[in-house]
Protein backbone atom coordinates (compact mmCIF):
# COMPACT_ATOMS: atom_id res chain seq x y z
CA UNK A 1 20.97 -0.91 2.48
CA UNK A 2 19.89 -4.17 0.90
CA UNK A 3 22.37 -7.03 0.72
CA UNK A 4 24.27 -7.37 -2.58
CA UNK A 5 22.55 -9.78 -4.98
CA UNK A 6 24.29 -12.90 -6.21
CA UNK A 7 25.20 -12.71 -9.90
CA UNK A 8 23.10 -14.80 -12.29
CA UNK A 9 23.51 -15.61 -15.95
CA UNK A 10 21.60 -17.31 -18.75
CA UNK A 11 23.12 -20.70 -17.81
CA UNK A 12 21.26 -20.51 -14.48
CA UNK A 13 17.98 -20.88 -16.35
CA UNK A 14 18.95 -24.39 -17.44
CA UNK A 15 19.77 -25.33 -13.85
CA UNK A 16 16.86 -23.95 -11.84
CA UNK A 17 13.89 -23.32 -14.15
CA UNK A 18 11.33 -25.80 -15.48
CA UNK A 19 12.41 -26.29 -19.12
CA UNK A 20 9.10 -25.28 -20.75
CA UNK A 21 10.71 -22.16 -22.25
CA UNK A 22 13.76 -21.67 -24.43
CA UNK A 23 14.69 -18.03 -23.76
CA UNK A 24 17.17 -16.06 -25.82
CA UNK A 25 20.85 -16.23 -24.95
CA UNK A 26 20.95 -12.76 -23.36
CA UNK A 27 19.17 -11.38 -20.28
CA UNK A 28 17.49 -7.96 -20.57
CA UNK A 29 18.03 -5.96 -17.37
CA UNK A 30 16.73 -2.46 -18.10
CA UNK A 31 14.39 -0.75 -20.53
CA UNK A 32 13.44 2.81 -21.43
CA UNK A 33 10.88 3.55 -24.11
CA UNK A 34 11.55 1.20 -27.02
CA UNK A 35 15.15 0.46 -26.02
CA UNK A 36 16.37 -2.41 -23.85
CA UNK A 37 19.82 -3.10 -22.35
CA UNK A 38 21.22 -6.52 -21.51
CA UNK A 39 23.66 -7.59 -18.80
CA UNK A 40 26.64 -6.61 -20.95
CA UNK A 41 25.25 -3.12 -21.56
CA UNK A 42 24.29 -3.88 -25.16
CA UNK A 43 21.38 -1.75 -26.40
CA UNK A 44 18.57 -3.36 -28.40
CA UNK A 45 15.49 -1.87 -30.05
CA UNK A 46 12.32 -3.61 -28.89
CA UNK A 47 9.75 -4.47 -31.58
CA UNK A 48 8.45 -7.43 -29.54
CA UNK A 49 6.75 -5.40 -26.82
CA UNK A 50 6.76 -8.32 -24.39
CA UNK A 51 4.44 -10.09 -26.89
CA UNK A 52 2.04 -7.18 -27.48
CA UNK A 53 2.06 -6.19 -23.80
CA UNK A 54 4.28 -3.13 -23.38
CA UNK A 55 1.93 -0.66 -25.08
CA UNK A 56 3.79 2.31 -23.66
CA UNK A 57 7.26 0.82 -23.91
CA UNK A 58 9.49 0.30 -20.87
CA UNK A 59 9.48 2.35 -17.67
CA UNK A 60 6.94 4.89 -18.93
CA UNK A 61 6.89 7.71 -16.35
CA UNK A 62 3.08 7.70 -16.02
CA UNK A 63 3.04 3.96 -15.27
CA UNK A 64 6.02 4.13 -12.92
CA UNK A 65 4.27 7.01 -11.14
CA UNK A 66 0.93 5.20 -10.85
CA UNK A 67 2.57 2.02 -9.55
CA UNK A 68 4.81 3.85 -7.08
CA UNK A 69 1.98 5.96 -5.72
CA UNK A 70 -0.28 2.94 -5.25
CA UNK A 71 2.58 0.83 -3.80
CA UNK A 72 2.80 3.34 -0.98
CA UNK A 73 -0.93 3.11 -0.28
CA UNK A 74 -2.48 -0.35 -0.62
CA UNK A 75 -1.32 -3.53 -2.41
CA UNK A 76 -3.92 -6.18 -1.73
CA UNK A 77 -7.17 -6.64 0.16
CA UNK A 78 -8.75 -9.54 -1.85
CA UNK A 79 -12.29 -9.43 -3.18
CA UNK A 80 -13.76 -9.62 0.31
CA UNK A 81 -13.35 -5.84 -0.08
CA UNK A 82 -13.40 -3.72 -3.21
CA UNK A 83 -10.87 -0.97 -3.91
CA UNK A 84 -10.81 2.43 -5.56
CA UNK A 85 -8.46 1.69 -8.51
CA UNK A 86 -10.60 -1.32 -9.55
CA UNK A 87 -13.80 0.74 -9.51
CA UNK A 88 -12.19 3.56 -11.48
CA UNK A 89 -10.87 1.08 -14.05
CA UNK A 90 -14.25 -0.63 -14.42
CA UNK A 91 -15.91 2.75 -15.00
CA UNK A 92 -13.35 3.62 -17.70
CA UNK A 93 -13.79 0.30 -19.54
CA UNK A 94 -17.58 0.43 -19.34
CA UNK A 95 -17.65 4.04 -20.54
CA UNK A 96 -15.38 3.23 -23.50
CA UNK A 97 -17.02 -0.01 -24.71
CA UNK A 98 -20.27 -1.90 -25.31
CA UNK A 99 -20.00 -3.42 -21.83
CA UNK A 100 -21.92 -2.65 -18.65
CA UNK A 101 -19.86 -4.84 -16.34
CA UNK A 102 -16.21 -5.82 -15.83
CA UNK A 103 -14.56 -8.77 -14.12
CA UNK A 104 -10.84 -8.46 -13.31
CA UNK A 105 -8.29 -11.26 -13.19
CA UNK A 106 -4.56 -11.67 -13.79
CA UNK A 107 -4.04 -12.93 -17.33
CA UNK A 108 -5.58 -13.51 -20.73
CA UNK A 109 -6.14 -17.18 -20.01
CA UNK A 110 -8.08 -16.26 -16.87
CA UNK A 111 -10.12 -13.67 -18.78
CA UNK A 112 -11.03 -16.33 -21.35
CA UNK A 113 -11.71 -18.91 -18.64
CA UNK A 114 -14.19 -16.47 -17.12
CA UNK A 115 -15.73 -15.78 -20.54
CA UNK A 116 -16.21 -19.47 -21.33
CA UNK A 117 -17.60 -20.24 -17.88
CA UNK A 118 -20.01 -17.31 -18.15
CA UNK A 119 -21.21 -18.49 -21.57
CA UNK A 120 -21.89 -21.98 -20.29
CA UNK A 121 -23.58 -20.68 -17.15
CA UNK A 122 -25.88 -18.37 -19.14
CA UNK A 123 -26.89 -21.21 -21.48
CA UNK A 124 -27.38 -23.59 -18.54
CA UNK A 125 -29.60 -21.13 -16.68
CA UNK A 126 -31.64 -20.11 -19.71
CA UNK A 127 -31.87 -23.27 -21.79
CA UNK A 128 -30.63 -26.20 -19.69
CA UNK A 129 -27.48 -28.38 -19.62
CA UNK A 130 -27.79 -29.57 -23.25
CA UNK A 131 -26.81 -26.14 -24.55
CA UNK A 132 -23.11 -26.16 -23.65
CA UNK A 133 -21.18 -26.55 -26.90
CA UNK A 134 -18.46 -24.05 -27.78
CA UNK A 135 -17.23 -23.45 -31.34
CA UNK A 136 -13.73 -22.06 -31.79
CA UNK A 137 -11.46 -21.82 -34.81
CA UNK A 138 -8.61 -23.95 -36.10
CA UNK A 139 -5.19 -22.57 -35.07
CA UNK A 140 -6.73 -20.26 -32.48
CA UNK A 141 -5.02 -19.54 -29.16
CA UNK A 142 -6.92 -18.73 -25.98
CA UNK A 143 -4.55 -19.56 -23.13
CA UNK A 144 -2.91 -22.46 -21.32
CA UNK A 145 -5.38 -23.59 -18.65
CA UNK A 146 -7.00 -26.94 -19.42
CA UNK A 147 -10.26 -25.27 -20.49
CA UNK A 148 -8.70 -22.50 -22.57
CA UNK A 149 -6.14 -24.79 -24.22
CA UNK A 150 -8.95 -27.18 -25.12
CA UNK A 151 -10.90 -24.32 -26.73
CA UNK A 152 -7.74 -23.24 -28.56
CA UNK A 153 -7.48 -24.89 -31.96
CA UNK A 154 -3.90 -26.17 -31.71
CA UNK A 155 -3.78 -29.80 -30.53
CA UNK A 156 0.01 -29.62 -30.00
CA UNK A 157 -0.72 -27.49 -26.92
CA UNK A 158 -3.59 -29.58 -25.54
CA UNK A 159 -2.49 -33.17 -26.28
CA UNK A 160 -0.91 -35.24 -23.54
CA UNK A 161 -2.70 -33.77 -20.53
CA UNK A 162 -5.37 -36.40 -20.08
CA UNK A 163 -9.02 -36.19 -21.15
CA UNK A 164 -9.92 -32.90 -22.79
CA UNK A 165 -12.92 -30.83 -21.89
CA UNK A 166 -15.77 -32.03 -24.10
CA UNK A 167 -18.34 -30.08 -26.07
CA UNK A 168 -15.75 -28.07 -28.02
CA UNK A 169 -15.38 -28.09 -31.81
CA UNK A 170 -13.12 -26.22 -34.24
CA UNK A 171 -13.91 -24.80 -37.66
CA UNK A 172 -11.57 -23.05 -40.13
CA UNK A 173 -10.99 -19.35 -39.47
CA UNK A 174 -12.59 -16.82 -41.82
CA UNK A 175 -14.90 -19.56 -43.20
CA UNK A 176 -18.49 -18.52 -42.60
CA UNK A 177 -19.95 -21.58 -44.37
CA UNK A 178 -18.03 -23.91 -42.03
CA UNK A 179 -19.36 -22.02 -39.01
CA UNK A 180 -22.88 -22.13 -40.43
CA UNK A 181 -22.60 -25.90 -40.87
CA UNK A 182 -21.35 -26.43 -37.29
CA UNK A 183 -23.53 -24.10 -35.24
CA UNK A 184 -26.73 -25.49 -33.72
CA UNK A 185 -29.18 -24.85 -30.91
CA UNK A 186 -26.77 -26.74 -28.63
CA UNK A 187 -24.10 -24.07 -29.21
CA UNK A 188 -23.68 -21.77 -26.22
CA UNK A 189 -20.84 -19.69 -27.64
CA UNK A 190 -18.70 -18.95 -30.69
CA UNK A 191 -15.19 -17.76 -29.80
CA UNK A 192 -13.17 -15.73 -32.30
CA UNK A 193 -9.95 -13.71 -32.24
CA UNK A 194 -10.66 -10.66 -34.46
CA UNK A 195 -7.04 -11.09 -35.56
CA UNK A 196 -5.48 -14.51 -34.98
CA UNK A 197 -2.28 -13.63 -33.18
CA UNK A 198 -0.19 -16.65 -32.24
CA UNK A 199 -0.89 -18.59 -35.41
CA UNK A 200 0.33 -15.94 -37.84
CA UNK A 201 -1.31 -12.50 -37.46
CA UNK A 202 -4.36 -13.30 -39.62
CA UNK A 203 -7.06 -10.58 -39.63
CA UNK A 204 -10.70 -11.62 -39.87
CA UNK A 205 -12.77 -10.55 -42.86
CA UNK A 206 -15.46 -8.10 -41.80
CA UNK A 207 -18.15 -10.20 -43.51
CA UNK A 208 -17.03 -13.20 -41.46
CA UNK A 209 -17.44 -11.39 -38.15
CA UNK A 210 -20.77 -9.90 -39.24
CA UNK A 211 -21.96 -13.36 -40.31
CA UNK A 212 -20.84 -14.89 -37.01
CA UNK A 213 -22.79 -12.22 -35.15
CA UNK A 214 -25.95 -13.04 -37.15
CA UNK A 215 -25.54 -16.81 -36.65
CA UNK A 216 -25.13 -16.35 -32.90
CA UNK A 217 -28.27 -14.23 -32.75
CA UNK A 218 -30.20 -16.87 -34.71
CA UNK A 219 -29.11 -19.76 -32.45
CA UNK A 220 -29.18 -17.94 -29.09
CA UNK A 221 -25.43 -18.37 -28.79
CA UNK A 222 -23.06 -15.80 -27.35
CA UNK A 223 -20.33 -14.24 -29.48
CA UNK A 224 -17.06 -14.02 -27.58
CA UNK A 225 -14.18 -11.96 -28.94
CA UNK A 226 -10.78 -12.87 -27.58
CA UNK A 227 -9.07 -9.48 -27.63
CA UNK A 228 -6.19 -10.45 -25.36
CA UNK A 229 -3.71 -9.54 -28.10
CA UNK A 230 -5.75 -7.05 -30.17
CA UNK A 231 -7.20 -4.94 -27.37
CA UNK A 232 -6.21 -1.62 -25.77
CA UNK A 233 -5.20 0.34 -28.86
CA UNK A 234 -3.20 -2.30 -30.72
CA UNK A 235 -5.31 -1.94 -33.90
CA UNK A 236 -5.65 1.85 -33.76
CA UNK A 237 -9.09 1.49 -32.16
CA UNK A 238 -9.37 0.91 -28.41
CA UNK A 239 -10.63 -2.60 -29.18
CA UNK A 240 -10.64 -4.45 -32.49
CA UNK A 241 -14.41 -4.97 -32.41
CA UNK A 242 -14.70 -1.19 -32.80
CA UNK A 243 -12.33 -1.31 -35.79
CA UNK A 244 -14.64 -3.88 -37.42
CA UNK A 245 -17.94 -2.44 -36.20
CA UNK A 246 -19.15 -5.82 -34.88
CA UNK A 247 -20.14 -6.02 -31.21
CA UNK A 248 -19.60 -9.20 -29.18
CA UNK A 249 -21.54 -10.32 -26.09
CA UNK A 250 -18.36 -10.98 -24.11
CA UNK A 251 -14.85 -9.63 -24.63
CA UNK A 252 -11.61 -10.74 -23.02
CA UNK A 253 -8.67 -8.39 -22.54
CA UNK A 254 -5.24 -8.67 -20.93
CA UNK A 255 -1.69 -8.19 -22.33
CA UNK A 256 -1.72 -4.46 -23.15
CA UNK A 257 -4.23 -3.56 -20.44
CA UNK A 258 -1.53 -3.37 -17.75
CA UNK A 259 1.27 -2.16 -20.01
CA UNK A 260 3.45 -4.91 -18.52
CA UNK A 261 1.81 -5.33 -15.13
CA UNK A 262 -0.25 -8.57 -14.99
CA UNK A 263 -3.98 -7.94 -15.33
CA UNK A 264 -6.86 -9.37 -17.33
CA UNK A 265 -10.48 -8.35 -17.78
CA UNK A 266 -13.68 -9.88 -19.02
CA UNK A 267 -16.23 -7.35 -20.25
CA UNK A 268 -19.90 -8.11 -20.81
CA UNK A 269 -23.45 -6.78 -20.56
CA UNK A 270 -25.52 -6.45 -17.42
CA UNK A 271 -28.01 -9.01 -18.70
CA UNK A 272 -25.31 -11.68 -19.00
CA UNK A 273 -23.23 -10.65 -16.00
CA UNK A 274 -26.09 -11.32 -13.59
CA UNK A 275 -25.62 -15.07 -14.18
CA UNK A 276 -22.31 -14.97 -12.29
CA UNK A 277 -23.90 -14.63 -8.87
CA UNK A 278 -21.92 -14.44 -5.62
CA UNK A 279 -19.59 -17.41 -5.30
CA UNK A 280 -19.89 -18.73 -8.88
CA UNK A 281 -16.45 -17.52 -9.96
CA UNK A 282 -13.50 -15.75 -8.38
CA UNK A 283 -9.80 -15.00 -8.12
CA UNK A 284 -7.71 -14.01 -5.12
CA UNK A 285 -5.50 -11.45 -6.86
CA UNK A 286 -7.93 -10.30 -9.55
CA UNK A 287 -8.60 -6.58 -9.49
CA UNK A 288 -5.81 -5.86 -7.02
CA UNK A 289 -5.05 -2.16 -6.46
CA UNK A 290 -1.54 -2.27 -7.96
CA UNK A 291 -2.62 -3.77 -11.29
CA UNK A 292 -5.70 -1.57 -11.54
CA UNK A 293 -3.79 1.62 -10.74
CA UNK A 294 -1.37 0.87 -13.59
CA UNK A 295 -4.16 -0.10 -16.01
CA UNK A 296 -5.95 3.18 -15.26
CA UNK A 297 -2.82 5.06 -16.28
CA UNK A 298 -2.50 2.95 -19.45
CA UNK A 299 -6.07 3.70 -20.51
CA UNK A 300 -5.74 7.42 -19.78
CA UNK A 301 -2.90 7.60 -22.32
CA UNK A 302 -3.89 4.99 -24.92
CA UNK A 303 -7.57 5.90 -25.20
CA UNK A 304 -6.86 9.30 -26.74
CA UNK A 305 -7.28 10.43 -30.35
CA UNK A 306 -3.55 11.28 -30.60
CA UNK A 307 -2.26 7.84 -29.60
CA UNK A 308 -4.87 5.89 -31.58
CA UNK A 309 -4.26 7.98 -34.71
CA UNK A 310 -0.52 7.53 -34.13
CA UNK A 311 -0.92 3.73 -34.21
CA UNK A 312 -2.44 3.93 -37.70
CA UNK A 313 0.31 6.25 -38.94
CA UNK A 314 3.04 4.04 -37.48
CA UNK A 315 1.43 1.01 -39.16
CA UNK A 316 1.91 2.68 -42.54
CA UNK A 317 5.52 3.52 -41.71
CA UNK A 318 6.26 -0.10 -40.76
CA UNK A 319 4.35 -1.61 -43.67
CA UNK A 320 5.93 0.49 -46.39
CA UNK A 321 9.48 -0.25 -45.25
CA UNK A 322 8.82 -3.93 -44.50
CA UNK A 323 7.36 -4.46 -47.96
CA UNK A 324 10.48 -2.90 -49.47
CA UNK A 325 12.72 -5.19 -47.39
CA UNK A 326 10.64 -8.26 -48.24
CA UNK A 327 10.83 -7.51 -51.95
CA UNK A 328 14.50 -6.62 -51.99
CA UNK A 329 15.69 -9.75 -50.20
CA UNK A 330 12.94 -12.22 -51.16
CA UNK A 331 12.47 -12.95 -47.47
CA UNK A 332 8.70 -12.58 -47.22
CA UNK A 333 5.78 -12.33 -49.59
CA UNK A 334 3.17 -10.44 -47.58
CA UNK A 335 2.95 -7.91 -44.78
CA UNK A 336 -0.40 -8.24 -43.00
CA UNK A 337 -2.09 -7.17 -39.79
CA UNK A 338 -3.80 -4.11 -38.37
CA UNK A 339 -2.28 -1.22 -36.45
CA UNK A 340 0.84 -2.29 -34.58
CA UNK A 341 0.19 -6.01 -34.78
CA UNK A 342 2.05 -6.86 -37.97
CA UNK A 343 3.03 -10.19 -39.51
CA UNK A 344 5.56 -10.77 -42.31
CA UNK A 345 4.72 -14.00 -44.12
CA UNK A 346 7.94 -15.76 -45.06
CA UNK A 347 8.50 -16.69 -48.70
CA UNK A 348 8.57 -20.31 -49.89
CA UNK A 349 12.36 -20.47 -49.54
CA UNK A 350 12.18 -19.31 -45.91
CA UNK A 351 9.08 -21.21 -44.77
CA UNK A 352 9.53 -22.70 -41.30
CA UNK A 353 12.52 -20.47 -40.57
CA UNK A 354 11.00 -17.67 -38.48
CA UNK A 355 13.32 -18.62 -35.62
CA UNK A 356 16.34 -18.00 -37.89
CA UNK A 357 15.01 -14.51 -38.65
CA UNK A 358 14.48 -13.92 -34.91
CA UNK A 359 18.10 -14.96 -34.23
CA UNK A 360 19.49 -12.85 -37.09
CA UNK A 361 17.57 -9.79 -35.82
CA UNK A 362 18.93 -10.32 -32.30
CA UNK A 363 22.49 -10.34 -33.67
CA UNK A 364 21.71 -6.89 -35.13
CA UNK A 365 20.43 -5.70 -31.73
CA UNK A 366 16.72 -5.94 -32.55
CA UNK A 367 13.98 -7.81 -30.69
CA UNK A 368 11.20 -9.25 -32.88
CA UNK A 369 8.75 -12.16 -32.49
CA UNK A 370 7.52 -15.21 -34.32
CA UNK A 371 3.88 -16.08 -34.93
CA UNK A 372 4.24 -19.73 -35.80
CA UNK A 373 7.18 -21.00 -37.88
CA UNK A 374 6.28 -19.05 -41.03
CA UNK A 375 5.59 -15.51 -39.81
CA UNK A 376 7.79 -12.83 -38.24
CA UNK A 377 5.67 -10.72 -35.89
CA UNK A 378 6.07 -7.12 -34.79
CA UNK A 379 4.14 -5.87 -31.76
CA UNK A 380 6.01 -2.76 -30.58
CA UNK A 381 5.01 -0.03 -28.17
CA UNK A 382 2.06 2.01 -29.47
CA UNK A 383 4.08 5.17 -28.83
CA UNK A 384 7.33 3.93 -30.38
CA UNK A 385 9.11 6.96 -31.82
CA UNK A 386 9.50 7.25 -35.58
CA UNK A 387 13.28 7.46 -35.15
CA UNK A 388 13.21 4.12 -33.31
CA UNK A 389 11.01 2.59 -36.03
CA UNK A 390 13.46 3.70 -38.71
CA UNK A 391 16.56 2.60 -36.80
CA UNK A 392 14.95 -0.73 -35.87
CA UNK A 393 14.00 -1.41 -39.47
CA UNK A 394 17.54 -0.50 -40.58
CA UNK A 395 18.73 -3.21 -38.21
CA UNK A 396 16.09 -5.59 -39.53
CA UNK A 397 17.25 -4.92 -43.08
CA UNK A 398 20.85 -5.69 -42.08
CA UNK A 399 19.63 -8.98 -40.61
CA UNK A 400 17.72 -9.76 -43.81
CA UNK A 401 20.78 -8.97 -45.92
CA UNK A 402 23.04 -11.24 -43.87
CA UNK A 403 20.50 -14.06 -43.81
CA UNK A 404 19.88 -14.06 -47.53
CA UNK A 405 23.56 -13.66 -48.48
CA UNK A 406 24.68 -16.53 -46.23
């Protein structure tokens, strides 16, 4: 028998945690499917998905089974040795994508860090140190390490931490002319989110991604797609590049890949991968058996015609109802996004008040997200049941009614 655990409450956060987060007033303690229960036993419907992470909801039996089975075998050996789950996962990702090679890490930031380092190393080896510039987009988000936050196009996240990494520029998203004007033979990589997630769920135009691909080819630059938020079925294709039909040189994945267990991956071609020779990059925990066992189970379920088709059908169900709610209450003007990454753009009267919508939804026992101050984001489980969608949107409508009548 384990010793009884001391009770904790939300107030403990303010006493013992670094104050870089402002979590909600309740503490979730248990989840099943798309439902979550807090300490008081209150049931909430989860349309947040752990920020586009819980692709199969909470406590999915296949994931619990994979984790439990692996936990009884082998947890960690480091990359001094390889392990079976990592090799199986790499095979699955290579078989399902443009890539020939996979590198495993623990988060989206680490996957992007690896992608950016690879791009600079390739350019250095092939063309010399002058070719090191990286072009990213305004309002992009690529992680919180010093390198990734410098590449991200939101100065509020990168200011105040000393000198930034140099050789990085930012151009407006979805603006091919701006990219054309900025790119040069000194550019080693162009980094794009196929759908900008954190800054408002903004999908790329297909012509923009096609144009970026052509410009990269012309200037011997690598095209990197940050698919941390869009990957692993979120768009109704396994990866968003497949939805658009534009193939990158390097792709980063995380969030959904582990269904809630921390894992990240960088995918690339054999020709590029060979530049990361032994000792050039690494991670102690990356590719550990626990994470890879869970990710294998995630892919086995998500990468099926039934689940991917289901994402597209569920998108339509969400969109139709959300548009009705937006119109009825004047709360938002547009519902945008692809698959089950959906953003509701708040109307002029509600601009800057996404947090108020988040709070109102929580009072109606619904978990949603923001994507900046002007967009309410939905990133539910890819297998969320239609009954949960309908009930969750009923709750959302009640929140909208109360907000707009106040």
